[in-house]
Amino acid sequence: MIKNSFNMKKFVSLIFMFCALQTILVAQKVIDFKVTDINGKQHNLYADYLNKGKIVVTYLMYTDCPPCNTLAPRFQKMFEDFSNGKDQVAFMMLSISKTDTLDALKAFKAKHSLTTPLIGPEGGSLTANIQFINARFGPYQYVPQFSIIMPNGDVVFDIVISRLEQRINEAITGLSTLPNKVKINYSIPNTDSQNMPSNSSFFLKSSKDLTYKKNITQLLKGSTTFEYPSNLLPEVDSPYISFETSESTPKGIIGISDVIALRKQVLRIDTLNADAMIAADVNNDGRVTLSDIVAMQRFILGIDRVFPDRPSIIMHPATIPIEIKGSAQNVTFQPKLIWVGNVAN
């Protein structure tokens, strides 16, 4: 439905392809979880830690377990030695027992003077623990049980306490082989070279920081490959790519044939394909109806110079997230841009 603004040819596909090839794949990846510690602080495994390049050390325990009580001070000491989880390493104590009430966990915390995040059943520990005790990463036999989760989701499973600090240091050293960067390539099918329609750009934005907006097309100056995060495109929470345009619809892109095709759809004489259905919703109300026909006719007759509720070109899907998984990644996306109103093939 999209036509090249330089040669007036239609673009061919609507699908926005986003394929990531991870070059490091080791065993099963950890499943994301969200838990809340006994102090009420929420911990999102990927969003708060792994996606930020941190290692997470987990300690499976329960309050009435004698060895768990014996080793709790050693785990607390490691937590303190590694900057209380504020730098490269985060620590979590996760109860595996349904009987560990909030009061029992608070007593356990007080007994051992813990500042390490302590999570019980009320905070979601039982759900988070399932993957560690169901042989996803290896045979599970007992508590206390220690594991290290790398930023790319790999798990170093069931480490004895005497070797835990050594394994943590080895994991920190290994971070240099797990770059928290994404190399992104993009191309626009059926265009002359990589030319964008005039007055159009891809942008990097954040769903958390609404003030963050970087014009990728402008910053790259003709290049179609970039790294994120980088000096040009600094790191931000929840990044995604979007498309914007102020391009006017060129003459000849929308005509009587588009109105006829739209009428056939509305009257159910014919059925538009998926590309055409998106182009046909010129009033942007989520439907293809008689009002779209009226708006199209007004545009062709010159009564309206633009479609008031929609830009001339749109991208579908409208956004695509960028995910940093802590491993070397190469990502390619091929956006198909659509001229609104260009319904007929």
Protein backbone atom coordinates (compact mmCIF):
# COMPACT_ATOMS: atom_id res chain seq x y z
CA MET A 1 0.00 0.00 0.00
CA ILE A 2 2.93 2.20 0.36
CA LYS A 3 4.26 3.85 -2.65
CA ASN A 4 7.77 5.21 -2.93
CA SER A 5 7.55 9.01 -2.84
CA PHE A 6 10.34 9.15 -5.40
CA ASN A 7 9.08 6.74 -8.08
CA MET A 8 5.43 6.37 -6.91
CA LYS A 9 5.69 2.58 -6.71
CA LYS A 10 3.85 0.76 -3.96
CA PHE A 11 5.63 -0.89 -1.12
CA VAL A 12 4.81 -4.52 -0.93
CA SER A 13 4.60 -5.82 2.62
CA LEU A 14 3.00 -4.71 5.87
CA ILE A 15 4.82 -7.01 8.24
CA PHE A 16 7.37 -5.42 10.56
CA MET A 17 10.00 -8.13 10.99
CA PHE A 18 12.07 -8.14 14.12
CA CYS A 19 14.42 -11.14 14.36
CA ALA A 20 17.18 -11.42 16.95
CA LEU A 21 20.07 -13.86 16.62
CA GLN A 22 21.75 -14.56 19.92
CA THR A 23 25.29 -15.80 19.56
CA ILE A 24 25.49 -17.23 23.08
CA LEU A 25 23.06 -20.01 23.92
CA VAL A 26 23.79 -22.16 26.95
CA ALA A 27 21.24 -24.63 28.39
CA GLN A 28 17.88 -23.33 29.55
CA LYS A 29 17.37 -19.60 30.07
CA VAL A 30 15.92 -18.37 33.33
CA ILE A 31 12.21 -17.52 33.22
CA ASP A 32 11.38 -13.97 34.22
CA PHE A 33 9.73 -13.42 37.59
CA LYS A 34 8.49 -10.59 39.76
CA VAL A 35 8.66 -10.84 43.54
CA THR A 36 8.16 -8.52 46.52
CA ASP A 37 10.41 -8.74 49.54
CA ILE A 38 9.21 -8.57 53.14
CA ASN A 39 9.94 -4.82 53.18
CA GLY A 40 7.51 -4.27 50.31
CA LYS A 41 10.10 -3.64 47.60
CA GLN A 42 9.36 -5.24 44.21
CA HIS A 43 12.09 -7.02 42.27
CA ASN A 44 11.66 -7.66 38.54
CA LEU A 45 14.32 -10.17 37.49
CA TYR A 46 14.87 -8.94 33.93
CA ALA A 47 13.74 -5.31 34.09
CA ASP A 48 15.55 -4.43 37.32
CA TYR A 49 18.64 -6.59 37.03
CA LEU A 50 19.42 -8.75 33.98
CA ASN A 51 18.48 -6.15 31.37
CA LYS A 52 20.79 -3.73 33.18
CA GLY A 53 23.72 -6.11 32.97
CA LYS A 54 23.60 -7.31 36.57
CA ILE A 55 24.26 -10.78 37.94
CA VAL A 56 21.64 -12.18 40.33
CA VAL A 57 22.58 -14.61 43.11
CA THR A 58 19.67 -16.64 44.51
CA TYR A 59 19.54 -18.48 47.84
CA LEU A 60 16.71 -21.01 48.23
CA MET A 61 15.91 -21.57 51.91
CA TYR A 62 13.22 -21.79 54.56
CA THR A 63 13.19 -20.42 58.08
CA ASP A 64 13.11 -23.76 60.00
CA CYS A 65 15.97 -25.29 57.97
CA PRO A 66 19.05 -25.66 60.24
CA PRO A 67 21.66 -25.39 57.43
CA CYS A 68 19.80 -22.37 56.01
CA ASN A 69 20.16 -20.66 59.38
CA THR A 70 23.82 -21.63 59.59
CA LEU A 71 24.68 -20.24 56.14
CA ALA A 72 22.48 -17.13 56.23
CA PRO A 73 25.22 -14.95 57.88
CA ARG A 74 27.75 -16.01 55.21
CA PHE A 75 25.31 -15.06 52.45
CA GLN A 76 24.67 -11.74 54.18
CA LYS A 77 28.43 -11.09 54.35
CA MET A 78 28.75 -11.68 50.59
CA PHE A 79 25.86 -9.31 50.00
CA GLU A 80 27.73 -6.65 51.97
CA ASP A 81 31.07 -7.43 50.30
CA PHE A 82 29.53 -6.94 46.85
CA SER A 83 28.29 -3.41 47.69
CA ASN A 84 24.92 -4.50 49.05
CA GLY A 85 23.71 -5.46 45.60
CA LYS A 86 23.99 -1.92 44.24
CA ASP A 87 26.75 -2.55 41.70
CA GLN A 88 27.17 -5.55 39.41
CA VAL A 89 25.65 -8.22 41.65
CA ALA A 90 22.17 -8.50 43.18
CA PHE A 91 21.21 -11.00 45.89
CA MET A 92 17.87 -12.64 46.78
CA MET A 93 16.82 -15.07 49.49
CA LEU A 94 13.76 -17.03 48.34
CA SER A 95 11.72 -19.18 50.67
CA ILE A 96 10.51 -22.54 49.35
CA SER A 97 8.10 -23.19 52.23
CA LYS A 98 4.37 -22.42 52.26
CA THR A 99 4.57 -22.17 56.05
CA ASP A 100 7.03 -19.28 56.03
CA THR A 101 4.69 -16.53 57.17
CA LEU A 102 5.63 -12.88 57.13
CA ASP A 103 6.21 -13.00 60.88
CA ALA A 104 8.47 -16.06 60.53
CA LEU A 105 10.50 -14.35 57.83
CA LYS A 106 10.84 -11.16 59.87
CA ALA A 107 12.08 -13.23 62.82
CA PHE A 108 14.60 -14.96 60.53
CA LYS A 109 15.76 -11.58 59.28
CA ALA A 110 16.16 -10.19 62.81
CA LYS A 111 17.94 -13.32 64.05
CA HIS A 112 20.67 -13.01 61.40
CA SER A 113 20.68 -9.19 61.03
CA LEU A 114 19.84 -9.54 57.33
CA THR A 115 19.70 -6.66 54.88
CA THR A 116 19.68 -9.02 51.89
CA PRO A 117 16.27 -8.97 50.11
CA LEU A 118 14.18 -11.75 51.66
CA ILE A 119 11.12 -13.02 49.76
CA GLY A 120 8.44 -15.33 51.09
CA PRO A 121 5.29 -17.00 49.72
CA GLU A 122 3.26 -13.80 50.07
CA GLY A 123 5.80 -12.03 47.88
CA GLY A 124 5.80 -14.68 45.13
CA SER A 125 8.78 -16.81 46.13
CA LEU A 126 7.03 -20.12 45.47
CA THR A 127 6.32 -19.18 41.85
CA ALA A 128 9.85 -17.84 41.32
CA ASN A 129 11.35 -21.00 42.83
CA ILE A 130 9.58 -23.50 40.60
CA GLN A 131 12.15 -23.37 37.80
CA PHE A 132 14.99 -24.04 40.26
CA ILE A 133 13.39 -27.13 41.80
CA ASN A 134 11.84 -28.76 38.70
CA ALA A 135 15.18 -29.80 37.12
CA ARG A 136 15.11 -27.02 34.50
CA PHE A 137 18.76 -26.22 35.23
CA GLY A 138 19.85 -29.49 36.82
CA PRO A 139 18.93 -31.97 39.59
CA TYR A 140 17.55 -30.30 42.71
CA GLN A 141 18.09 -32.20 45.97
CA TYR A 142 18.11 -29.89 48.96
CA VAL A 143 18.22 -26.46 50.55
CA PRO A 144 20.11 -24.27 51.06
CA GLN A 145 20.68 -24.03 47.33
CA PHE A 146 22.67 -21.27 45.58
CA SER A 147 22.60 -20.27 41.92
CA ILE A 148 23.96 -17.42 39.81
CA ILE A 149 21.89 -15.92 36.98
CA MET A 150 23.86 -14.17 34.24
CA PRO A 151 22.51 -11.12 32.36
CA ASN A 152 21.86 -13.25 29.27
CA GLY A 153 19.63 -15.59 31.31
CA ASP A 154 22.13 -18.44 31.74
CA VAL A 155 22.11 -20.10 35.15
CA VAL A 156 25.10 -21.46 37.07
CA PHE A 157 23.17 -23.94 39.18
CA ASP A 158 23.56 -25.44 42.64
CA ILE A 159 26.85 -23.97 43.83
CA VAL A 160 28.31 -25.02 47.18
CA ILE A 161 28.71 -22.11 49.60
CA SER A 162 32.49 -22.57 49.82
CA ARG A 163 32.80 -21.81 46.11
CA LEU A 164 30.05 -19.24 45.78
CA GLU A 165 32.22 -16.14 46.14
CA GLN A 166 34.72 -17.52 43.62
CA ARG A 167 31.90 -18.25 41.16
CA ILE A 168 30.50 -14.75 41.61
CA ASN A 169 33.90 -13.24 40.80
CA GLU A 170 34.20 -15.51 37.76
CA ALA A 171 30.75 -14.37 36.64
CA ILE A 172 31.77 -10.72 36.99
CA THR A 173 34.85 -11.39 34.87
CA GLY A 174 32.63 -13.13 32.33
CA LEU A 175 30.48 -10.02 31.91
CA SER A 176 33.07 -8.67 29.46
CA THR A 177 32.04 -11.44 27.05
CA LEU A 178 28.36 -10.56 27.38
CA PRO A 179 28.02 -7.06 25.93
CA ASN A 180 24.83 -5.26 26.86
CA LYS A 181 24.47 -3.84 23.39
CA VAL A 182 22.30 -4.49 20.37
CA LYS A 183 23.57 -4.00 16.82
CA ILE A 184 20.56 -3.01 14.72
CA ASN A 185 20.21 -3.00 10.94
CA TYR A 186 17.17 -1.69 9.13
CA SER A 187 16.07 -1.57 5.51
CA ILE A 188 12.99 -0.42 3.65
CA PRO A 189 11.86 -2.84 0.93
CA ASN A 190 11.39 -1.57 -2.63
CA THR A 191 12.90 1.86 -2.18
CA ASP A 192 15.67 3.55 -4.15
CA SER A 193 18.73 2.69 -2.03
CA GLN A 194 17.75 3.48 1.56
CA ASN A 195 15.87 6.68 0.83
CA MET A 196 13.15 7.53 3.29
CA PRO A 197 10.05 9.38 2.15
CA SER A 198 10.66 13.10 2.56
CA ASN A 199 10.08 14.60 6.01
CA SER A 200 9.99 11.13 7.57
CA SER A 201 12.15 9.53 10.24
CA PHE A 202 12.53 6.59 12.58
CA PHE A 203 12.77 7.58 16.24
CA LEU A 204 14.08 5.94 19.38
CA LYS A 205 11.71 6.60 22.28
CA SER A 206 10.99 5.34 25.79
CA SER A 207 7.67 4.11 27.15
CA LYS A 208 8.83 5.20 30.63
CA ASP A 209 10.47 8.56 29.84
CA LEU A 210 8.12 10.43 27.52
CA THR A 211 10.66 13.24 27.06
CA TYR A 212 13.22 10.90 25.46
CA LYS A 213 13.18 11.16 21.67
CA LYS A 214 16.11 10.59 19.31
CA ASN A 215 15.82 10.96 15.54
CA ILE A 216 17.60 7.81 14.33
CA THR A 217 17.38 8.71 10.64
CA GLN A 218 18.88 12.15 11.22
CA LEU A 219 21.62 10.97 13.58
CA LEU A 220 22.78 8.14 11.31
CA LYS A 221 23.19 10.49 8.29
CA GLY A 222 22.37 7.86 5.70
CA SER A 223 23.66 4.81 7.55
CA THR A 224 21.25 1.97 8.24
CA THR A 225 23.20 0.30 11.06
CA PHE A 226 23.52 1.48 14.64
CA GLU A 227 24.31 0.25 18.13
CA TYR A 228 22.13 0.72 21.18
CA PRO A 229 23.04 1.99 23.70
CA SER A 230 25.76 4.26 22.33
CA ASN A 231 26.97 7.85 22.51
CA LEU A 232 24.48 8.77 19.79
CA LEU A 233 21.66 6.82 21.37
CA PRO A 234 22.11 6.70 25.17
CA GLU A 235 20.45 4.03 27.29
CA VAL A 236 16.90 4.65 28.46
CA ASP A 237 14.21 2.58 30.17
CA SER A 238 11.90 0.57 27.90
CA PRO A 239 13.27 1.73 24.51
CA TYR A 240 11.33 1.27 21.29
CA ILE A 241 11.44 2.38 17.66
CA SER A 242 8.64 4.37 16.06
CA PHE A 243 8.05 6.24 12.79
CA GLU A 244 6.85 9.79 12.19
CA THR A 245 6.20 11.84 9.07
CA SER A 246 4.99 15.26 8.04
CA GLU A 247 5.06 14.31 4.35
CA SER A 248 2.06 15.38 2.27
CA THR A 249 0.33 12.79 0.13
CA PRO A 250 1.67 13.21 -3.43
CA LYS A 251 -0.77 13.54 -6.30
CA GLY A 252 -1.55 10.26 -8.00
CA ILE A 253 -1.21 8.03 -4.96
CA ILE A 254 -4.92 8.19 -4.08
CA GLY A 255 -7.57 8.14 -6.81
CA ILE A 256 -10.95 6.85 -7.95
CA SER A 257 -9.71 3.24 -7.99
CA ASP A 258 -9.06 3.48 -4.25
CA VAL A 259 -12.60 4.77 -3.60
CA ILE A 260 -14.08 1.95 -5.71
CA ALA A 261 -12.07 -0.67 -3.82
CA LEU A 262 -13.17 0.86 -0.53
CA ARG A 263 -16.84 0.86 -1.58
CA LYS A 264 -16.63 -2.83 -2.50
CA GLN A 265 -15.26 -3.57 0.96
CA VAL A 266 -17.97 -1.58 2.74
CA LEU A 267 -20.70 -3.19 0.59
CA ARG A 268 -19.07 -6.62 1.08
CA ILE A 269 -18.75 -7.15 -2.64
CA ASP A 270 -15.05 -7.72 -2.26
CA THR A 271 -12.55 -8.10 0.59
CA LEU A 272 -9.46 -5.96 1.02
CA ASN A 273 -6.21 -7.58 2.10
CA ALA A 274 -4.59 -6.76 5.43
CA ASP A 275 -2.42 -3.98 3.97
CA ALA A 276 -5.37 -2.32 2.29
CA MET A 277 -7.55 -2.51 5.41
CA ILE A 278 -5.03 -0.46 7.37
CA ALA A 279 -4.75 2.06 4.54
CA ALA A 280 -8.55 2.24 4.27
CA ASP A 281 -9.14 3.45 7.82
CA VAL A 282 -8.51 7.05 6.84
CA ASN A 283 -10.44 8.56 9.77
CA ASN A 284 -8.50 6.40 12.26
CA ASP A 285 -11.51 5.08 14.17
CA GLY A 286 -10.44 1.44 13.96
CA ARG A 287 -13.13 0.53 11.38
CA VAL A 288 -13.65 0.69 7.62
CA THR A 289 -17.05 2.28 7.02
CA LEU A 290 -18.98 4.76 4.88
CA SER A 291 -17.32 7.63 6.73
CA ASP A 292 -13.98 6.55 5.28
CA ILE A 293 -15.46 6.67 1.78
CA VAL A 294 -16.74 10.20 2.42
CA ALA A 295 -13.36 11.32 3.75
CA MET A 296 -11.60 9.79 0.74
CA GLN A 297 -13.95 11.52 -1.72
CA ARG A 298 -13.45 14.89 0.01
CA PHE A 299 -9.69 14.40 -0.30
CA ILE A 300 -9.83 13.52 -4.01
CA LEU A 301 -12.11 16.51 -4.72
CA GLY A 302 -9.68 18.82 -2.98
CA ILE A 303 -12.11 19.80 -0.22
CA ASP A 304 -9.66 18.44 2.33
CA ARG A 305 -5.91 18.60 1.69
CA VAL A 306 -5.05 16.06 4.39
CA PHE A 307 -6.77 13.35 6.38
CA PRO A 308 -7.27 15.24 9.67
CA ASP A 309 -6.95 12.30 12.06
CA ARG A 310 -4.09 10.37 10.49
CA PRO A 311 -0.65 11.15 9.03
CA SER A 312 -0.09 10.48 5.36
CA ILE A 313 2.23 7.53 6.07
CA ILE A 314 2.04 5.04 8.90
CA MET A 315 4.10 2.07 10.02
CA HIS A 316 2.64 -1.20 11.23
CA PRO A 317 3.09 -2.24 13.98
CA ALA A 318 3.41 1.34 15.17
CA THR A 319 6.25 0.50 17.58
CA ILE A 320 8.83 -2.20 18.10
CA PRO A 321 10.65 -2.67 21.43
CA ILE A 322 14.41 -3.04 21.77
CA GLU A 323 15.36 -5.79 24.20
CA ILE A 324 18.84 -6.07 25.68
CA LYS A 325 19.44 -9.65 26.78
CA GLY A 326 23.02 -9.40 27.97
CA SER A 327 24.43 -11.33 25.02
CA ALA A 328 25.80 -10.37 21.63
CA GLN A 329 22.83 -9.57 19.43
CA ASN A 330 22.26 -8.66 15.80
CA VAL A 331 18.78 -7.42 15.02
CA THR A 332 17.25 -6.67 11.64
CA PHE A 333 13.94 -4.97 11.05
CA GLN A 334 12.25 -4.21 7.74
CA PRO A 335 9.44 -1.72 8.14
CA LYS A 336 6.68 -1.51 5.57
CA LEU A 337 5.27 1.98 5.38
CA ILE A 338 1.71 2.56 4.18
CA TRP A 339 0.20 5.54 2.41
CA VAL A 340 -3.12 6.17 4.13
CA GLY A 341 -5.92 5.99 1.55
CA ASN A 342 -3.90 3.98 -0.96
CA VAL A 343 -6.32 1.03 -0.94
CA ALA A 344 -6.24 -0.39 -4.50
CA ASN A 345 -3.45 -2.79 -5.47
